Amino acid sequence: MANREVNLTKRVQTPHGWRYRRVLLSANGRVKPDVVVVNGKEERHSEGACERQQRATLASSGGH
């Protein structure tokens, strides 16, 4: 059985072009509007759009 892992990112304009950056969540678990994490620091970017990136991970089945 595969577990699902989801990352919420936002595509923002940087000096090097459009890049995906992780969105920042508030203390109550909601997305902070227009705030992303760049090099460990919060930055405000009103341009771009949020995207959900999903990937499946294999669950351990006890040694099989």
N, C-alpha and C. Protein backbone atom coordinates (compact mmCIF):
# COMPACT_ATOMS: atom_id res chain seq x y z
N MET A 1 0.85 -1.17 0.00
CA MET A 1 0.00 0.00 0.00
C MET A 1 0.89 1.24 0.00
N ALA A 2 0.56 2.20 -0.79
CA ALA A 2 1.36 3.42 -0.90
C ALA A 2 0.76 4.52 -0.03
N ASN A 3 1.63 5.18 0.71
CA ASN A 3 1.22 6.37 1.45
C ASN A 3 1.34 7.56 0.52
N ARG A 4 0.59 8.60 0.80
CA ARG A 4 0.66 9.80 -0.02
C ARG A 4 1.32 10.91 0.78
N GLU A 5 2.23 11.60 0.14
CA GLU A 5 2.92 12.72 0.73
C GLU A 5 2.63 13.93 -0.15
N VAL A 6 2.21 15.03 0.45
CA VAL A 6 1.82 16.21 -0.31
C VAL A 6 2.65 17.41 0.14
N ASN A 7 3.18 18.13 -0.82
CA ASN A 7 3.89 19.39 -0.55
C ASN A 7 3.10 20.51 -1.20
N LEU A 8 2.88 21.57 -0.46
CA LEU A 8 2.20 22.74 -1.01
C LEU A 8 3.26 23.77 -1.34
N THR A 9 3.36 24.12 -2.62
CA THR A 9 4.38 25.06 -3.08
C THR A 9 3.72 26.20 -3.84
N LYS A 10 4.49 27.23 -4.06
CA LYS A 10 4.04 28.37 -4.86
C LYS A 10 5.13 28.70 -5.86
N ARG A 11 4.74 28.93 -7.08
CA ARG A 11 5.70 29.30 -8.12
C ARG A 11 5.83 30.82 -8.10
N VAL A 12 7.05 31.30 -7.82
CA VAL A 12 7.27 32.74 -7.66
C VAL A 12 8.41 33.20 -8.56
N GLN A 13 8.40 34.49 -8.86
CA GLN A 13 9.44 35.10 -9.69
C GLN A 13 10.66 35.39 -8.82
N THR A 14 11.84 34.93 -9.27
CA THR A 14 13.10 35.20 -8.58
C THR A 14 14.06 35.84 -9.58
N PRO A 15 15.21 36.31 -9.14
CA PRO A 15 16.19 36.85 -10.09
C PRO A 15 16.66 35.82 -11.12
N HIS A 16 16.48 34.54 -10.80
CA HIS A 16 16.90 33.46 -11.70
C HIS A 16 15.73 32.87 -12.49
N GLY A 17 14.59 33.53 -12.48
CA GLY A 17 13.41 33.04 -13.20
C GLY A 17 12.36 32.51 -12.22
N TRP A 18 11.35 31.83 -12.77
CA TRP A 18 10.27 31.28 -11.96
C TRP A 18 10.75 30.03 -11.24
N ARG A 19 10.54 30.00 -9.92
CA ARG A 19 10.97 28.87 -9.10
C ARG A 19 9.83 28.45 -8.15
N TYR A 20 9.82 27.17 -7.80
CA TYR A 20 8.88 26.66 -6.80
C TYR A 20 9.46 26.87 -5.41
N ARG A 21 8.64 27.41 -4.51
CA ARG A 21 9.06 27.62 -3.13
C ARG A 21 7.97 27.09 -2.20
N ARG A 22 8.38 26.62 -1.03
CA ARG A 22 7.44 26.07 -0.06
C ARG A 22 6.63 27.21 0.56
N VAL A 23 5.31 27.00 0.72
CA VAL A 23 4.48 28.02 1.37
C VAL A 23 4.62 27.90 2.87
N LEU A 24 4.30 28.96 3.58
CA LEU A 24 4.43 29.00 5.03
C LEU A 24 3.05 28.82 5.65
N LEU A 25 2.99 27.98 6.68
CA LEU A 25 1.74 27.75 7.40
C LEU A 25 1.75 28.53 8.69
N SER A 26 0.57 29.03 9.09
CA SER A 26 0.46 29.74 10.36
C SER A 26 0.34 28.73 11.50
N ALA A 27 0.26 29.21 12.72
CA ALA A 27 0.19 28.34 13.90
C ALA A 27 -1.05 27.46 13.90
N ASN A 28 -2.14 27.92 13.28
CA ASN A 28 -3.37 27.13 13.26
C ASN A 28 -3.43 26.19 12.05
N GLY A 29 -2.35 26.11 11.26
CA GLY A 29 -2.30 25.17 10.14
C GLY A 29 -2.78 25.71 8.82
N ARG A 30 -3.20 26.94 8.77
CA ARG A 30 -3.66 27.54 7.52
C ARG A 30 -2.48 28.17 6.77
N VAL A 31 -2.65 28.29 5.47
CA VAL A 31 -1.61 28.88 4.63
C VAL A 31 -1.57 30.38 4.85
N LYS A 32 -0.36 30.91 5.08
CA LYS A 32 -0.20 32.37 5.17
C LYS A 32 -0.24 32.91 3.75
N PRO A 33 -1.14 33.85 3.46
CA PRO A 33 -1.26 34.37 2.10
C PRO A 33 0.03 35.04 1.62
N ASP A 34 0.47 34.66 0.43
CA ASP A 34 1.59 35.31 -0.26
C ASP A 34 2.93 35.20 0.47
N VAL A 35 3.09 34.27 1.40
CA VAL A 35 4.34 34.12 2.12
C VAL A 35 4.95 32.76 1.77
N VAL A 36 6.23 32.79 1.33
CA VAL A 36 6.95 31.57 0.98
C VAL A 36 8.28 31.56 1.73
N VAL A 37 8.93 30.39 1.75
CA VAL A 37 10.22 30.24 2.41
C VAL A 37 11.31 30.20 1.34
N VAL A 38 12.26 31.12 1.43
CA VAL A 38 13.40 31.18 0.52
C VAL A 38 14.67 31.20 1.36
N ASN A 39 15.52 30.19 1.19
CA ASN A 39 16.76 30.08 1.96
C ASN A 39 16.53 30.18 3.46
N GLY A 40 15.43 29.57 3.94
CA GLY A 40 15.13 29.55 5.37
C GLY A 40 14.49 30.81 5.91
N LYS A 41 14.22 31.79 5.05
CA LYS A 41 13.63 33.06 5.49
C LYS A 41 12.28 33.28 4.82
N GLU A 42 11.39 33.96 5.53
CA GLU A 42 10.08 34.29 4.98
C GLU A 42 10.21 35.42 3.97
N GLU A 43 9.54 35.27 2.82
CA GLU A 43 9.48 36.35 1.83
C GLU A 43 8.05 36.45 1.34
N ARG A 44 7.63 37.68 1.06
CA ARG A 44 6.28 37.91 0.55
C ARG A 44 6.35 38.02 -0.97
N HIS A 45 5.53 37.20 -1.64
CA HIS A 45 5.43 37.20 -3.10
C HIS A 45 3.96 37.15 -3.48
N SER A 46 3.44 38.26 -4.01
CA SER A 46 2.04 38.28 -4.40
C SER A 46 1.82 37.67 -5.78
N GLU A 47 2.89 37.56 -6.58
CA GLU A 47 2.77 36.96 -7.91
C GLU A 47 2.80 35.44 -7.79
N GLY A 48 2.35 34.75 -8.80
CA GLY A 48 2.44 33.30 -8.83
C GLY A 48 1.19 32.62 -8.31
N ALA A 49 1.23 31.31 -8.28
CA ALA A 49 0.09 30.51 -7.86
C ALA A 49 0.55 29.32 -7.03
N CYS A 50 -0.30 28.89 -6.12
CA CYS A 50 0.00 27.72 -5.28
C CYS A 50 -0.31 26.45 -6.04
N GLU A 51 0.49 25.43 -5.77
CA GLU A 51 0.29 24.12 -6.39
C GLU A 51 0.51 23.04 -5.35
N ARG A 52 -0.24 21.97 -5.51
CA ARG A 52 -0.07 20.82 -4.63
C ARG A 52 0.74 19.78 -5.39
N GLN A 53 1.87 19.39 -4.84
CA GLN A 53 2.71 18.38 -5.46
C GLN A 53 2.58 17.11 -4.63
N GLN A 54 2.15 16.04 -5.29
CA GLN A 54 1.86 14.80 -4.60
C GLN A 54 2.76 13.69 -5.12
N ARG A 55 3.26 12.87 -4.20
CA ARG A 55 4.03 11.73 -4.62
C ARG A 55 3.70 10.56 -3.71
N ALA A 56 3.78 9.38 -4.26
CA ALA A 56 3.50 8.18 -3.49
C ALA A 56 4.81 7.66 -2.90
N THR A 57 4.74 7.19 -1.66
CA THR A 57 5.89 6.56 -1.03
C THR A 57 5.50 5.14 -0.67
N LEU A 58 6.43 4.23 -0.74
CA LEU A 58 6.15 2.85 -0.40
C LEU A 58 6.20 2.65 1.10
N ALA A 59 5.17 2.00 1.61
CA ALA A 59 5.12 1.71 3.04
C ALA A 59 5.86 0.42 3.33
N SER A 60 6.51 0.35 4.45
CA SER A 60 7.22 -0.85 4.85
C SER A 60 6.21 -1.94 5.18
N SER A 61 6.47 -3.15 4.69
CA SER A 61 5.54 -4.25 4.92
C SER A 61 6.14 -5.31 5.83
N GLY A 62 7.02 -4.92 6.72
CA GLY A 62 7.58 -5.84 7.69
C GLY A 62 8.64 -6.77 7.15
N GLY A 63 9.47 -6.32 6.24
CA GLY A 63 10.58 -7.12 5.76
C GLY A 63 10.37 -7.80 4.42
N HIS A 64 9.29 -7.60 3.79
CA HIS A 64 9.08 -8.20 2.46
C HIS A 64 9.72 -7.41 1.37
